[in-house]
Amino acid sequence: MKVVNLKQAILQAWKERWSDYQWAINMKKFFPKGTTWDILNLAEALLEQAMIGPSPNPLLLSYLKYAISSQMVSYSTVLMAISKFDDFSRDLCVQSLLEIMDMFCDHLSCHGKAEECIGLCRALMSVLIWMLRCAAFYTEKLKELLEQGAAENQLSMCLDRLVKILGSTKNRALIHIAKLEDTSSWSAIEQSLAKLGDNVGQINNNQLRNQLEECINLVKSIPTMLSIHSEQLNKTGFPTIHAVVLLEGTMNLTGEPQPLVEQLMMVKRMQRIPSPLFILEIWKACFVGLIESPEGTEELKWTAFTFLKVSLNVRER
């Protein structure tokens, strides 16, 4: 019943041509406080109504964009709603969905319970499947001579977004988590990859072909992310950094920070330690000292050393 009422409210807004902020105000009046728009599937309801015709309804899309910008709806519900659209022959609708993704896909985040975070991972995997299917559809269209120009344009837009999403290590890690949670969904990705691999030869445009191959390789790298990183971590150990930090924290807590910085930077240069691992090892050494220090004054000293002396100098590096 709630979904029906929600659709009625959306249709009323469209008929009366409410502006986006008017729509948001009235929606909050229609529905009681405490109602979450994700439970009501607001994003899906808006997209469903906006995509009824051959081209998207700009007014209803403006409502969705306002809901995203004002955080009325979560990123995960928007991604799930996008992934349910399957008529790739409607080019303008696909373009609009890709443009909606541009609003937030470079800063995906989730604030809430663990279930909501897992929901974002699953939504990202669902939209990855959708984009791979979309790319596969347009590579098939390249076989039709009359459709080649439009198909190349659509494929280019789709691949641009794929590269943008998959180029982020964080996003690939989120997809990897979703794969661990739901292994059956990964088979759909493998099927799309196989189809895309078969159609790579249909692409005459070198830039598009290279983009597609890059996307395929990035997706294929996702299942091995955990093993690669664990191997790297097992092979790396820098006890000198731990020794320098622990010695400073034990014997020279209140001394000038510059000598410590110079010693650590010298170790970094001599051992050719990558900057991310260098910072990681410093923090590990600090937290080891903090954990092992006895309660009382010593613990307070290590806390000050970690979060004041070391923290400020690490930030300056």
C-alpha atoms as a PDB file:
ATOM      1  CA  MET A   1       0.000   0.000   0.000  1.00  0.00           C
ATOM      2  CA  LYS A   2       2.855   2.367   0.810  1.00  0.00           C
ATOM      3  CA  VAL A   3       4.410   1.881  -2.631  1.00  0.00           C
ATOM      4  CA  VAL A   4       1.071   2.699  -4.313  1.00  0.00           C
ATOM      5  CA  ASN A   5       0.784   5.876  -2.234  1.00  0.00           C
ATOM      6  CA  LEU A   6       4.358   6.771  -3.086  1.00  0.00           C
ATOM      7  CA  LYS A   7       3.648   6.405  -6.805  1.00  0.00           C
ATOM      8  CA  GLN A   8       0.521   8.514  -6.452  1.00  0.00           C
ATOM      9  CA  ALA A   9       2.544  11.246  -4.748  1.00  0.00           C
ATOM     10  CA  ILE A  10       5.141  11.150  -7.545  1.00  0.00           C
ATOM     11  CA  LEU A  11       2.442  11.355 -10.237  1.00  0.00           C
ATOM     12  CA  GLN A  12       0.753  14.248  -8.446  1.00  0.00           C
ATOM     13  CA  ALA A  13       4.080  16.101  -8.340  1.00  0.00           C
ATOM     14  CA  TRP A  14       4.546  15.517 -12.072  1.00  0.00           C
ATOM     15  CA  LYS A  15       0.997  16.640 -12.969  1.00  0.00           C
ATOM     16  CA  GLU A  16       1.286  19.808 -10.891  1.00  0.00           C
ATOM     17  CA  ARG A  17       4.870  20.461 -12.082  1.00  0.00           C
ATOM     18  CA  TRP A  18       6.392  20.879  -8.641  1.00  0.00           C
ATOM     19  CA  SER A  19       9.967  22.090  -8.471  1.00  0.00           C
ATOM     20  CA  ASP A  20      12.473  19.692  -6.911  1.00  0.00           C
ATOM     21  CA  TYR A  21      12.555  21.444  -3.527  1.00  0.00           C
ATOM     22  CA  GLN A  22       8.727  21.737  -3.479  1.00  0.00           C
ATOM     23  CA  TRP A  23       8.550  18.031  -4.166  1.00  0.00           C
ATOM     24  CA  ALA A  24      10.924  17.231  -1.284  1.00  0.00           C
ATOM     25  CA  ILE A  25       8.961  19.416   1.159  1.00  0.00           C
ATOM     26  CA  ASN A  26       5.613  17.921   0.164  1.00  0.00           C
ATOM     27  CA  MET A  27       6.929  14.355   0.264  1.00  0.00           C
ATOM     28  CA  LYS A  28       7.991  14.888   3.862  1.00  0.00           C
ATOM     29  CA  LYS A  29       4.490  16.161   4.623  1.00  0.00           C
ATOM     30  CA  PHE A  30       2.807  13.179   2.959  1.00  0.00           C
ATOM     31  CA  PHE A  31       4.768  10.566   4.868  1.00  0.00           C
ATOM     32  CA  PRO A  32       5.175  10.373   8.654  1.00  0.00           C
ATOM     33  CA  LYS A  33       8.390  11.203  10.455  1.00  0.00           C
ATOM     34  CA  GLY A  34      10.704   8.263  10.909  1.00  0.00           C
ATOM     35  CA  THR A  35       9.824   6.823   7.511  1.00  0.00           C
ATOM     36  CA  THR A  36      12.998   5.968   5.613  1.00  0.00           C
ATOM     37  CA  TRP A  37      12.900   6.560   1.890  1.00  0.00           C
ATOM     38  CA  ASP A  38      15.044   3.499   1.253  1.00  0.00           C
ATOM     39  CA  ILE A  39      12.432   1.233   2.853  1.00  0.00           C
ATOM     40  CA  LEU A  40       9.788   2.857   0.643  1.00  0.00           C
ATOM     41  CA  ASN A  41      12.059   2.287  -2.394  1.00  0.00           C
ATOM     42  CA  LEU A  42      11.868   5.944  -3.391  1.00  0.00           C
ATOM     43  CA  ALA A  43      14.790   5.733  -5.843  1.00  0.00           C
ATOM     44  CA  GLU A  44      13.303   2.724  -7.621  1.00  0.00           C
ATOM     45  CA  ALA A  45       9.824   4.289  -7.754  1.00  0.00           C
ATOM     46  CA  LEU A  46      11.196   7.516  -9.269  1.00  0.00           C
ATOM     47  CA  LEU A  47      13.270   5.697 -11.885  1.00  0.00           C
ATOM     48  CA  GLU A  48      10.397   3.378 -12.749  1.00  0.00           C
ATOM     49  CA  GLN A  49       8.126   6.347 -13.476  1.00  0.00           C
ATOM     50  CA  ALA A  50      10.848   8.404 -15.183  1.00  0.00           C
ATOM     51  CA  MET A  51      11.735   5.615 -17.636  1.00  0.00           C
ATOM     52  CA  ILE A  52       8.233   4.752 -18.858  1.00  0.00           C
ATOM     53  CA  GLY A  53       8.502   6.583 -22.195  1.00  0.00           C
ATOM     54  CA  PRO A  54      11.054   6.290 -25.018  1.00  0.00           C
ATOM     55  CA  SER A  55      13.067   9.073 -23.380  1.00  0.00           C
ATOM     56  CA  PRO A  56      13.468   9.823 -19.661  1.00  0.00           C
ATOM     57  CA  ASN A  57      11.164  12.260 -17.913  1.00  0.00           C
ATOM     58  CA  PRO A  58      13.394  15.240 -16.990  1.00  0.00           C
ATOM     59  CA  LEU A  59      11.153  16.462 -14.158  1.00  0.00           C
ATOM     60  CA  LEU A  60      11.073  13.102 -12.393  1.00  0.00           C
ATOM     61  CA  LEU A  61      14.817  12.715 -12.893  1.00  0.00           C
ATOM     62  CA  SER A  62      15.308  16.119 -11.261  1.00  0.00           C
ATOM     63  CA  TYR A  63      13.457  14.764  -8.204  1.00  0.00           C
ATOM     64  CA  LEU A  64      15.814  11.799  -8.041  1.00  0.00           C
ATOM     65  CA  LYS A  65      18.893  14.001  -8.412  1.00  0.00           C
ATOM     66  CA  TYR A  66      17.607  16.238  -5.622  1.00  0.00           C
ATOM     67  CA  ALA A  67      16.995  13.167  -3.436  1.00  0.00           C
ATOM     68  CA  ILE A  68      20.580  12.009  -4.056  1.00  0.00           C
ATOM     69  CA  SER A  69      22.096  15.444  -3.400  1.00  0.00           C
ATOM     70  CA  SER A  70      20.093  15.913  -0.190  1.00  0.00           C
ATOM     71  CA  GLN A  71      20.808  12.309   0.921  1.00  0.00           C
ATOM     72  CA  MET A  72      17.137  11.385   1.062  1.00  0.00           C
ATOM     73  CA  VAL A  73      18.147   8.117  -0.603  1.00  0.00           C
ATOM     74  CA  SER A  74      21.299   6.057  -0.141  1.00  0.00           C
ATOM     75  CA  TYR A  75      23.762   5.387  -2.932  1.00  0.00           C
ATOM     76  CA  SER A  76      23.119   1.654  -2.686  1.00  0.00           C
ATOM     77  CA  THR A  77      19.372   1.968  -3.403  1.00  0.00           C
ATOM     78  CA  VAL A  78      20.071   4.228  -6.392  1.00  0.00           C
ATOM     79  CA  LEU A  79      22.598   1.746  -7.802  1.00  0.00           C
ATOM     80  CA  MET A  80      20.180  -1.148  -7.288  1.00  0.00           C
ATOM     81  CA  ALA A  81      17.414   0.802  -9.031  1.00  0.00           C
ATOM     82  CA  ILE A  82      19.708   1.555 -11.989  1.00  0.00           C
ATOM     83  CA  SER A  83      20.728  -2.106 -12.273  1.00  0.00           C
ATOM     84  CA  LYS A  84      17.074  -3.125 -12.797  1.00  0.00           C
ATOM     85  CA  PHE A  85      16.765  -1.177 -16.059  1.00  0.00           C
ATOM     86  CA  ASP A  86      17.322  -3.637 -18.902  1.00  0.00           C
ATOM     87  CA  ASP A  87      16.091  -1.979 -22.116  1.00  0.00           C
ATOM     88  CA  PHE A  88      19.469  -0.918 -23.493  1.00  0.00           C
ATOM     89  CA  SER A  89      17.913  -0.064 -26.862  1.00  0.00           C
ATOM     90  CA  ARG A  90      16.615   3.189 -25.334  1.00  0.00           C
ATOM     91  CA  ASP A  91      19.822   5.182 -25.688  1.00  0.00           C
ATOM     92  CA  LEU A  92      18.606   8.356 -23.979  1.00  0.00           C
ATOM     93  CA  CYS A  93      17.483   6.425 -20.905  1.00  0.00           C
ATOM     94  CA  VAL A  94      20.849   4.675 -20.633  1.00  0.00           C
ATOM     95  CA  GLN A  95      22.650   8.020 -20.989  1.00  0.00           C
ATOM     96  CA  SER A  96      20.569   9.508 -18.171  1.00  0.00           C
ATOM     97  CA  LEU A  97      21.328   6.585 -15.871  1.00  0.00           C
ATOM     98  CA  LEU A  98      25.054   6.879 -16.551  1.00  0.00           C
ATOM     99  CA  GLU A  99      24.892  10.615 -15.818  1.00  0.00           C
ATOM    100  CA  ILE A 100      23.139   9.920 -12.509  1.00  0.00           C
ATOM    101  CA  MET A 101      26.008   7.607 -11.565  1.00  0.00           C
ATOM    102  CA  ASP A 102      28.445  10.460 -12.224  1.00  0.00           C
ATOM    103  CA  MET A 103      26.937  12.290  -9.249  1.00  0.00           C
ATOM    104  CA  PHE A 104      28.441   9.979  -6.647  1.00  0.00           C
ATOM    105  CA  CYS A 105      30.455   7.051  -8.031  1.00  0.00           C
ATOM    106  CA  ASP A 106      33.788   8.777  -7.401  1.00  0.00           C
ATOM    107  CA  HIS A 107      33.014   9.178  -3.684  1.00  0.00           C
ATOM    108  CA  LEU A 108      30.926   6.155  -2.732  1.00  0.00           C
ATOM    109  CA  SER A 109      30.394   5.871   0.998  1.00  0.00           C
ATOM    110  CA  CYS A 110      27.978   4.427   3.506  1.00  0.00           C
ATOM    111  CA  HIS A 111      27.116   5.648   6.987  1.00  0.00           C
ATOM    112  CA  GLY A 112      25.195   3.165   9.064  1.00  0.00           C
ATOM    113  CA  LYS A 113      25.098  -0.409  10.224  1.00  0.00           C
ATOM    114  CA  ALA A 114      27.203  -3.247   8.851  1.00  0.00           C
ATOM    115  CA  GLU A 115      24.197  -4.516   6.858  1.00  0.00           C
ATOM    116  CA  GLU A 116      23.977  -1.190   5.023  1.00  0.00           C
ATOM    117  CA  CYS A 117      27.680  -1.318   4.182  1.00  0.00           C
ATOM    118  CA  ILE A 118      27.287  -4.835   2.788  1.00  0.00           C
ATOM    119  CA  GLY A 119      24.270  -3.514   0.871  1.00  0.00           C
ATOM    120  CA  LEU A 120      26.517  -0.947  -0.822  1.00  0.00           C
ATOM    121  CA  CYS A 121      28.957  -3.708  -1.823  1.00  0.00           C
ATOM    122  CA  ARG A 122      26.147  -5.779  -3.333  1.00  0.00           C
ATOM    123  CA  ALA A 123      24.688  -2.753  -5.114  1.00  0.00           C
ATOM    124  CA  LEU A 124      28.076  -1.947  -6.630  1.00  0.00           C
ATOM    125  CA  MET A 125      28.378  -5.507  -7.902  1.00  0.00           C
ATOM    126  CA  SER A 126      24.847  -5.338  -9.345  1.00  0.00           C
ATOM    127  CA  VAL A 127      25.598  -2.120 -11.200  1.00  0.00           C
ATOM    128  CA  LEU A 128      28.882  -3.615 -12.458  1.00  0.00           C
ATOM    129  CA  ILE A 129      26.902  -6.527 -13.933  1.00  0.00           C
ATOM    130  CA  TRP A 130      24.490  -4.001 -15.457  1.00  0.00           C
ATOM    131  CA  MET A 131      27.288  -1.958 -17.034  1.00  0.00           C
ATOM    132  CA  LEU A 132      29.006  -5.051 -18.432  1.00  0.00           C
ATOM    133  CA  ARG A 133      25.690  -6.164 -19.967  1.00  0.00           C
ATOM    134  CA  CYS A 134      25.275  -2.650 -21.334  1.00  0.00           C
ATOM    135  CA  ALA A 135      28.756  -2.731 -22.890  1.00  0.00           C
ATOM    136  CA  ALA A 136      28.088  -6.203 -24.325  1.00  0.00           C
ATOM    137  CA  PHE A 137      24.836  -4.956 -25.889  1.00  0.00           C
ATOM    138  CA  TYR A 138      26.592  -2.086 -27.667  1.00  0.00           C
ATOM    139  CA  THR A 139      29.494  -4.232 -28.862  1.00  0.00           C
ATOM    140  CA  GLU A 140      26.863  -6.481 -30.477  1.00  0.00           C
ATOM    141  CA  LYS A 141      25.279  -3.405 -32.098  1.00  0.00           C
ATOM    142  CA  LEU A 142      28.611  -2.603 -33.740  1.00  0.00           C
ATOM    143  CA  LYS A 143      27.970  -5.529 -36.101  1.00  0.00           C
ATOM    144  CA  GLU A 144      25.099  -3.551 -37.653  1.00  0.00           C
ATOM    145  CA  LEU A 145      26.526  -1.072 -40.158  1.00  0.00           C
ATOM    146  CA  LEU A 146      23.693   1.436 -39.776  1.00  0.00           C
ATOM    147  CA  GLU A 147      24.051   1.467 -35.981  1.00  0.00           C
ATOM    148  CA  GLN A 148      27.839   1.704 -35.684  1.00  0.00           C
ATOM    149  CA  GLY A 149      28.084   5.454 -34.991  1.00  0.00           C
ATOM    150  CA  ALA A 150      25.434   5.497 -32.264  1.00  0.00           C
ATOM    151  CA  ALA A 151      26.709   2.225 -30.785  1.00  0.00           C
ATOM    152  CA  GLU A 152      30.280   3.549 -30.553  1.00  0.00           C
ATOM    153  CA  ASN A 153      29.044   6.685 -28.800  1.00  0.00           C
ATOM    154  CA  GLN A 154      27.006   4.696 -26.275  1.00  0.00           C
ATOM    155  CA  LEU A 155      29.817   2.190 -25.727  1.00  0.00           C
ATOM    156  CA  SER A 156      32.264   5.034 -25.123  1.00  0.00           C
ATOM    157  CA  MET A 157      30.035   6.548 -22.421  1.00  0.00           C
ATOM    158  CA  CYS A 158      29.587   3.167 -20.752  1.00  0.00           C
ATOM    159  CA  LEU A 159      33.311   2.335 -20.796  1.00  0.00           C
ATOM    160  CA  ASP A 160      34.209   5.770 -19.414  1.00  0.00           C
ATOM    161  CA  ARG A 161      32.088   5.045 -16.334  1.00  0.00           C
ATOM    162  CA  LEU A 162      33.417   1.505 -16.023  1.00  0.00           C
ATOM    163  CA  VAL A 163      37.019   2.740 -16.039  1.00  0.00           C
ATOM    164  CA  LYS A 164      36.108   5.417 -13.504  1.00  0.00           C
ATOM    165  CA  ILE A 165      34.519   2.909 -11.109  1.00  0.00           C
ATOM    166  CA  LEU A 166      37.016   0.084 -11.569  1.00  0.00           C
ATOM    167  CA  GLY A 167      39.990   2.440 -11.480  1.00  0.00           C
ATOM    168  CA  SER A 168      39.347   2.956  -7.766  1.00  0.00           C
ATOM    169  CA  THR A 169      40.994   0.318  -5.568  1.00  0.00           C
ATOM    170  CA  LYS A 170      38.338   1.015  -2.936  1.00  0.00           C
ATOM    171  CA  ASN A 171      35.510   0.240  -5.365  1.00  0.00           C
ATOM    172  CA  ARG A 172      37.189  -2.975  -6.512  1.00  0.00           C
ATOM    173  CA  ALA A 173      37.623  -3.956  -2.863  1.00  0.00           C
ATOM    174  CA  LEU A 174      33.903  -3.350  -2.227  1.00  0.00           C
ATOM    175  CA  ILE A 175      33.044  -5.553  -5.212  1.00  0.00           C
ATOM    176  CA  HIS A 176      35.426  -8.203  -3.872  1.00  0.00           C
ATOM    177  CA  ILE A 177      33.554  -8.164  -0.548  1.00  0.00           C
ATOM    178  CA  ALA A 178      30.270  -8.616  -2.431  1.00  0.00           C
ATOM    179  CA  LYS A 179      31.795 -11.563  -4.311  1.00  0.00           C
ATOM    180  CA  LEU A 180      32.738 -13.215  -1.012  1.00  0.00           C
ATOM    181  CA  GLU A 181      29.209 -12.615   0.290  1.00  0.00           C
ATOM    182  CA  ASP A 182      27.431 -13.871  -2.834  1.00  0.00           C
ATOM    183  CA  THR A 183      29.565 -16.106  -5.047  1.00  0.00           C
ATOM    184  CA  SER A 184      26.651 -16.929  -7.380  1.00  0.00           C
ATOM    185  CA  SER A 185      26.493 -13.335  -8.690  1.00  0.00           C
ATOM    186  CA  TRP A 186      30.075 -13.555  -9.915  1.00  0.00           C
ATOM    187  CA  SER A 187      29.060 -16.099 -12.562  1.00  0.00           C
ATOM    188  CA  ALA A 188      26.952 -13.379 -14.243  1.00  0.00           C
ATOM    189  CA  ILE A 189      30.049 -11.171 -14.397  1.00  0.00           C
ATOM    190  CA  GLU A 190      32.111 -14.003 -15.886  1.00  0.00           C
ATOM    191  CA  GLN A 191      29.452 -14.586 -18.562  1.00  0.00           C
ATOM    192  CA  SER A 192      29.462 -10.898 -19.508  1.00  0.00           C
ATOM    193  CA  LEU A 193      33.265 -10.861 -19.608  1.00  0.00           C
ATOM    194  CA  ALA A 194      33.272 -13.881 -21.930  1.00  0.00           C
ATOM    195  CA  LYS A 195      30.779 -12.177 -24.234  1.00  0.00           C
ATOM    196  CA  LEU A 196      32.793  -8.957 -24.253  1.00  0.00           C
ATOM    197  CA  GLY A 197      35.994 -10.886 -24.943  1.00  0.00           C
ATOM    198  CA  ASP A 198      34.379 -12.489 -27.990  1.00  0.00           C
ATOM    199  CA  ASN A 199      33.291  -9.087 -29.312  1.00  0.00           C
ATOM    200  CA  VAL A 200      36.542  -7.168 -28.820  1.00  0.00           C
ATOM    201  CA  GLY A 201      37.400  -7.861 -32.450  1.00  0.00           C
ATOM    202  CA  GLN A 202      34.267  -5.998 -33.570  1.00  0.00           C
ATOM    203  CA  ILE A 203      35.692  -2.691 -32.302  1.00  0.00           C
ATOM    204  CA  ASN A 204      37.642  -0.790 -34.951  1.00  0.00           C
ATOM    205  CA  ASN A 205      38.254   2.217 -32.713  1.00  0.00           C
ATOM    206  CA  ASN A 206      41.619   1.597 -31.001  1.00  0.00           C
ATOM    207  CA  GLN A 207      40.825   3.827 -28.030  1.00  0.00           C
ATOM    208  CA  LEU A 208      37.559   1.998 -27.329  1.00  0.00           C
ATOM    209  CA  ARG A 209      39.229  -1.391 -27.749  1.00  0.00           C
ATOM    210  CA  ASN A 210      41.980  -0.443 -25.290  1.00  0.00           C
ATOM    211  CA  GLN A 211      39.403   0.867 -22.814  1.00  0.00           C
ATOM    212  CA  LEU A 212      37.407  -2.342 -23.046  1.00  0.00           C
ATOM    213  CA  GLU A 213      40.495  -4.506 -22.555  1.00  0.00           C
ATOM    214  CA  GLU A 214      41.475  -2.376 -19.548  1.00  0.00           C
ATOM    215  CA  CYS A 215      38.012  -2.864 -18.014  1.00  0.00           C
ATOM    216  CA  ILE A 216      38.118  -6.623 -18.599  1.00  0.00           C
ATOM    217  CA  ASN A 217      41.550  -6.877 -16.955  1.00  0.00           C
ATOM    218  CA  LEU A 218      40.448  -4.785 -13.969  1.00  0.00           C
ATOM    219  CA  VAL A 219      37.393  -6.975 -13.401  1.00  0.00           C
ATOM    220  CA  LYS A 220      39.466 -10.150 -13.722  1.00  0.00           C
ATOM    221  CA  SER A 221      41.895  -8.802 -11.110  1.00  0.00           C
ATOM    222  CA  ILE A 222      39.182  -8.461  -8.439  1.00  0.00           C
ATOM    223  CA  PRO A 223      39.106 -12.118  -7.227  1.00  0.00           C
ATOM    224  CA  THR A 224      42.875 -12.089  -6.622  1.00  0.00           C
ATOM    225  CA  MET A 225      43.000  -8.783  -4.728  1.00  0.00           C
ATOM    226  CA  LEU A 226      43.130 -10.356  -1.288  1.00  0.00           C
ATOM    227  CA  SER A 227      45.835 -12.898  -2.110  1.00  0.00           C
ATOM    228  CA  ILE A 228      48.020 -10.301  -3.842  1.00  0.00           C
ATOM    229  CA  HIS A 229      47.852  -7.880  -0.929  1.00  0.00           C
ATOM    230  CA  SER A 230      48.428 -10.614   1.657  1.00  0.00           C
ATOM    231  CA  GLU A 231      51.521 -11.775  -0.241  1.00  0.00           C
ATOM    232  CA  GLN A 232      52.853  -8.226  -0.314  1.00  0.00           C
ATOM    233  CA  LEU A 233      52.258  -7.767   3.396  1.00  0.00           C
ATOM    234  CA  ASN A 234      53.920 -11.092   4.236  1.00  0.00           C
ATOM    235  CA  LYS A 235      57.007 -10.156   2.243  1.00  0.00           C
ATOM    236  CA  THR A 236      57.403  -6.732   3.809  1.00  0.00           C
ATOM    237  CA  GLY A 237      58.797  -6.108   7.237  1.00  0.00           C
ATOM    238  CA  PHE A 238      60.820  -3.157   8.417  1.00  0.00           C
ATOM    239  CA  PRO A 239      62.043  -3.812  11.969  1.00  0.00           C
ATOM    240  CA  THR A 240      64.396  -0.813  11.840  1.00  0.00           C
ATOM    241  CA  ILE A 241      61.431   1.568  11.817  1.00  0.00           C
ATOM    242  CA  HIS A 242      59.922  -0.230  14.807  1.00  0.00           C
ATOM    243  CA  ALA A 243      63.230  -0.048  16.667  1.00  0.00           C
ATOM    244  CA  VAL A 244      63.673   3.697  16.013  1.00  0.00           C
ATOM    245  CA  VAL A 245      60.093   4.542  17.006  1.00  0.00           C
ATOM    246  CA  LEU A 246      60.076   2.333  20.118  1.00  0.00           C
ATOM    247  CA  LEU A 247      63.439   3.703  21.245  1.00  0.00           C
ATOM    248  CA  GLU A 248      62.213   7.278  20.816  1.00  0.00           C
ATOM    249  CA  GLY A 249      58.930   6.519  22.567  1.00  0.00           C
ATOM    250  CA  THR A 250      60.682   4.862  25.498  1.00  0.00           C
ATOM    251  CA  MET A 251      63.775   7.023  25.989  1.00  0.00           C
ATOM    252  CA  ASN A 252      63.035  10.407  24.437  1.00  0.00           C
ATOM    253  CA  LEU A 253      59.319  11.135  24.650  1.00  0.00           C
ATOM    254  CA  THR A 254      59.664  14.876  25.186  1.00  0.00           C
ATOM    255  CA  GLY A 255      62.603  15.520  22.859  1.00  0.00           C
ATOM    256  CA  GLU A 256      62.540  17.581  19.673  1.00  0.00           C
ATOM    257  CA  PRO A 257      60.764  15.740  16.841  1.00  0.00           C
ATOM    258  CA  GLN A 258      63.173  16.777  14.060  1.00  0.00           C
ATOM    259  CA  PRO A 259      65.950  14.240  14.871  1.00  0.00           C
ATOM    260  CA  LEU A 260      63.351  11.437  14.866  1.00  0.00           C
ATOM    261  CA  VAL A 261      62.008  12.602  11.503  1.00  0.00           C
ATOM    262  CA  GLU A 262      65.507  12.708  10.013  1.00  0.00           C
ATOM    263  CA  GLN A 263      66.343   9.208  11.285  1.00  0.00           C
ATOM    264  CA  LEU A 264      63.114   7.747   9.905  1.00  0.00           C
ATOM    265  CA  MET A 265      63.562   9.448   6.532  1.00  0.00           C
ATOM    266  CA  MET A 266      67.114   8.089   6.321  1.00  0.00           C
ATOM    267  CA  VAL A 267      65.811   4.551   6.990  1.00  0.00           C
ATOM    268  CA  LYS A 268      63.145   5.082   4.330  1.00  0.00           C
ATOM    269  CA  ARG A 269      65.731   6.104   1.732  1.00  0.00           C
ATOM    270  CA  MET A 270      68.239   3.380   2.595  1.00  0.00           C
ATOM    271  CA  GLN A 271      65.678   0.566   2.555  1.00  0.00           C
ATOM    272  CA  ARG A 272      63.697   2.080  -0.340  1.00  0.00           C
ATOM    273  CA  ILE A 273      60.426   1.760   1.528  1.00  0.00           C
ATOM    274  CA  PRO A 274      57.312   2.889  -0.399  1.00  0.00           C
ATOM    275  CA  SER A 275      55.604   5.857   1.280  1.00  0.00           C
ATOM    276  CA  PRO A 276      52.316   4.042   2.126  1.00  0.00           C
ATOM    277  CA  LEU A 277      54.193   1.170   3.814  1.00  0.00           C
ATOM    278  CA  PHE A 278      56.499   3.644   5.542  1.00  0.00           C
ATOM    279  CA  ILE A 279      53.556   5.444   7.174  1.00  0.00           C
ATOM    280  CA  LEU A 280      51.894   2.115   7.988  1.00  0.00           C
ATOM    281  CA  GLU A 281      54.997   0.794   9.774  1.00  0.00           C
ATOM    282  CA  ILE A 282      55.320   3.987  11.838  1.00  0.00           C
ATOM    283  CA  TRP A 283      51.721   3.680  13.018  1.00  0.00           C
ATOM    284  CA  LYS A 284      52.131  -0.028  13.721  1.00  0.00           C
ATOM    285  CA  ALA A 285      55.171   0.691  15.889  1.00  0.00           C
ATOM    286  CA  CYS A 286      53.298   3.421  17.776  1.00  0.00           C
ATOM    287  CA  PHE A 287      50.304   1.208  18.468  1.00  0.00           C
ATOM    288  CA  VAL A 288      52.504  -1.693  19.564  1.00  0.00           C
ATOM    289  CA  GLY A 289      54.149   0.636  22.090  1.00  0.00           C
ATOM    290  CA  LEU A 290      50.762   1.936  23.218  1.00  0.00           C
ATOM    291  CA  ILE A 291      49.316  -1.564  23.660  1.00  0.00           C
ATOM    292  CA  GLU A 292      52.337  -2.891  25.541  1.00  0.00           C
ATOM    293  CA  SER A 293      52.760   0.110  27.856  1.00  0.00           C
ATOM    294  CA  PRO A 294      51.518  -0.408  31.433  1.00  0.00           C
ATOM    295  CA  GLU A 295      48.417   1.465  32.542  1.00  0.00           C
ATOM    296  CA  GLY A 296      48.856   4.835  34.154  1.00  0.00           C
ATOM    297  CA  THR A 297      51.526   7.416  33.409  1.00  0.00           C
ATOM    298  CA  GLU A 298      53.390   5.320  30.825  1.00  0.00           C
ATOM    299  CA  GLU A 299      50.214   4.740  28.837  1.00  0.00           C
ATOM    300  CA  LEU A 300      49.468   8.478  28.861  1.00  0.00           C
ATOM    301  CA  LYS A 301      53.007   9.226  27.658  1.00  0.00           C
ATOM    302  CA  TRP A 302      52.683   6.809  24.739  1.00  0.00           C
ATOM    303  CA  THR A 303      49.274   8.244  23.891  1.00  0.00           C
ATOM    304  CA  ALA A 304      50.731  11.753  23.739  1.00  0.00           C
ATOM    305  CA  PHE A 305      53.718  10.502  21.739  1.00  0.00           C
ATOM    306  CA  THR A 306      51.480   8.701  19.211  1.00  0.00           C
ATOM    307  CA  PHE A 307      48.762  11.271  18.702  1.00  0.00           C
ATOM    308  CA  LEU A 308      50.764  14.483  19.131  1.00  0.00           C
ATOM    309  CA  LYS A 309      54.450  14.085  18.363  1.00  0.00           C
ATOM    310  CA  VAL A 310      54.221  11.385  15.683  1.00  0.00           C
ATOM    311  CA  SER A 311      50.832  12.363  14.270  1.00  0.00           C
ATOM    312  CA  LEU A 312      51.815  15.975  13.581  1.00  0.00           C
ATOM    313  CA  ASN A 313      55.076  15.014  11.892  1.00  0.00           C
ATOM    314  CA  VAL A 314      53.490  12.276   9.772  1.00  0.00           C
ATOM    315  CA  ARG A 315      50.906  14.779   8.565  1.00  0.00           C
ATOM    316  CA  GLU A 316      53.688  17.168   7.502  1.00  0.00           C
ATOM    317  CA  ARG A 317      55.415  14.472   5.464  1.00  0.00           C
END
